[in-house]
Amino acid sequence: MYLGKMYKPMRDLSKVTDSYSRAAVGYERIREIMDKNYEVRDLPGARPAPALMGNIEFEKVCFSYEPQLPVLRGVAFRIEAGQTAALVGRTGSGKTTIISLLPRFYDWIPES
């Protein structure tokens, strides 16, 4: 009976220790990302951007998160200033990627 009474608190302590170690690993991963110095730089030979007028234009935009797995290929569209537009598509079709490219969260490479 004594062993039975000791088993539950020991099991609970083991669960807490496991949760703590998982949280510590997660914290370390977050710290690695937060400590990196990310700076968006223009590619060599990049043209200066014209004055911003409110228009959004993508012309032959290609993008991939991994080198050999393209997510976007040859995307082209134009949205005039003041115009309302919607990106509609299936899950995984690139809607969020396109929105992330607008503020240069990622850089894109023009299609050759």
Protein backbone atom coordinates (compact mmCIF):
# COMPACT_ATOMS: atom_id res chain seq x y z
CA MET A 1 0.00 0.00 0.00
CA TYR A 2 2.88 2.36 0.83
CA LEU A 3 4.44 1.70 -2.55
CA GLY A 4 1.12 2.40 -4.25
CA LYS A 5 0.80 5.73 -2.41
CA MET A 6 4.35 6.75 -3.45
CA TYR A 7 3.91 5.79 -7.09
CA LYS A 8 1.43 8.53 -8.11
CA PRO A 9 3.46 11.49 -6.74
CA MET A 10 6.60 10.10 -8.36
CA ARG A 11 4.77 9.71 -11.69
CA ASP A 12 3.44 13.29 -11.39
CA LEU A 13 6.94 14.57 -10.65
CA SER A 14 8.22 12.72 -13.71
CA LYS A 15 5.56 14.41 -15.88
CA VAL A 16 6.53 17.84 -14.54
CA THR A 17 10.20 17.15 -15.25
CA ASP A 18 9.34 16.06 -18.79
CA SER A 19 7.24 19.20 -19.37
CA TYR A 20 10.03 21.39 -18.03
CA SER A 21 12.65 19.83 -20.30
CA ARG A 22 10.39 20.26 -23.36
CA ALA A 23 9.78 23.90 -22.44
CA ALA A 24 13.52 24.47 -22.00
CA VAL A 25 14.23 23.08 -25.48
CA GLY A 26 11.49 25.27 -26.97
CA TYR A 27 12.90 28.31 -25.19
CA GLU A 28 16.36 27.64 -26.60
CA ARG A 29 14.97 27.40 -30.14
CA ILE A 30 13.09 30.66 -29.73
CA ARG A 31 16.21 32.38 -28.33
CA GLU A 32 18.26 31.23 -31.35
CA ILE A 33 15.76 32.81 -33.72
CA MET A 34 15.39 36.01 -31.69
CA ASP A 35 19.17 36.47 -31.34
CA LYS A 36 19.87 36.26 -35.08
CA ASN A 37 20.47 39.52 -36.87
CA TYR A 38 18.19 39.43 -39.89
CA GLU A 39 18.65 42.20 -42.39
CA VAL A 40 17.08 42.27 -45.81
CA ARG A 41 19.69 43.26 -48.37
CA ASP A 42 19.23 44.00 -52.03
CA LEU A 43 20.71 41.51 -54.45
CA PRO A 44 23.79 42.68 -56.33
CA GLY A 45 22.71 44.67 -59.38
CA ALA A 46 19.21 45.33 -58.01
CA ARG A 47 17.44 48.36 -59.46
CA PRO A 48 16.31 51.08 -57.07
CA ALA A 49 12.59 50.97 -56.37
CA PRO A 50 10.55 53.76 -57.95
CA ALA A 51 8.58 56.13 -55.75
CA LEU A 52 5.78 54.24 -54.05
CA MET A 53 2.42 55.10 -55.56
CA GLY A 54 0.19 52.54 -53.92
CA ASN A 55 0.08 50.11 -56.83
CA ILE A 56 1.10 46.50 -56.27
CA GLU A 57 2.56 44.60 -59.18
CA PHE A 58 4.11 41.16 -59.38
CA GLU A 59 5.76 40.22 -62.64
CA LYS A 60 7.16 36.71 -63.17
CA VAL A 61 7.69 36.19 -59.43
CA CYS A 62 9.10 32.83 -58.36
CA PHE A 63 9.75 31.79 -54.79
CA SER A 64 10.76 28.70 -52.83
CA TYR A 65 11.42 28.10 -49.15
CA GLU A 66 13.78 25.27 -50.11
CA PRO A 67 16.01 25.50 -53.21
CA GLN A 68 14.52 22.64 -55.23
CA LEU A 69 10.87 22.97 -54.13
CA PRO A 70 9.28 26.05 -55.75
CA VAL A 71 6.15 27.38 -54.09
CA LEU A 72 5.41 30.11 -56.63
CA ARG A 73 6.29 30.05 -60.33
CA GLY A 74 5.80 32.98 -62.70
CA VAL A 75 3.18 34.76 -60.61
CA ALA A 76 1.99 37.99 -62.23
CA PHE A 77 -0.76 40.42 -61.23
CA ARG A 78 -1.36 44.13 -60.78
CA ILE A 79 -3.54 45.85 -58.18
CA GLU A 80 -4.14 49.55 -58.72
CA ALA A 81 -4.08 52.03 -55.84
CA GLY A 82 -7.49 52.10 -54.17
CA GLN A 83 -8.58 48.85 -55.81
CA THR A 84 -9.80 46.01 -53.60
CA ALA A 85 -8.47 42.56 -54.38
CA ALA A 86 -8.73 39.12 -52.81
CA LEU A 87 -6.41 36.14 -52.96
CA VAL A 88 -8.50 33.00 -53.11
CA GLY A 89 -7.29 29.45 -53.41
CA ARG A 90 -6.89 26.07 -51.82
CA THR A 91 -4.76 25.46 -48.77
CA GLY A 92 -1.10 25.48 -49.78
CA SER A 93 -1.63 27.40 -53.01
CA GLY A 94 0.66 30.30 -51.98
CA LYS A 95 -1.72 32.99 -50.67
CA THR A 96 0.21 33.59 -47.43
CA THR A 97 3.53 33.41 -49.28
CA ILE A 98 2.42 36.18 -51.66
CA ILE A 99 1.29 38.36 -48.75
CA SER A 100 4.62 37.72 -46.97
CA LEU A 101 6.56 38.82 -50.07
CA LEU A 102 4.87 42.24 -50.16
CA PRO A 103 6.66 43.65 -47.06
CA ARG A 104 9.82 41.67 -47.98
CA PHE A 105 9.57 39.16 -45.17
CA TYR A 106 11.22 37.02 -47.85
CA ASP A 107 13.12 38.04 -50.96
CA TRP A 108 12.10 36.69 -54.36
CA ILE A 109 14.16 36.05 -57.45
CA PRO A 110 12.77 37.06 -60.86
CA GLU A 111 12.13 34.17 -63.21
CA SER A 112 14.76 33.93 -65.97
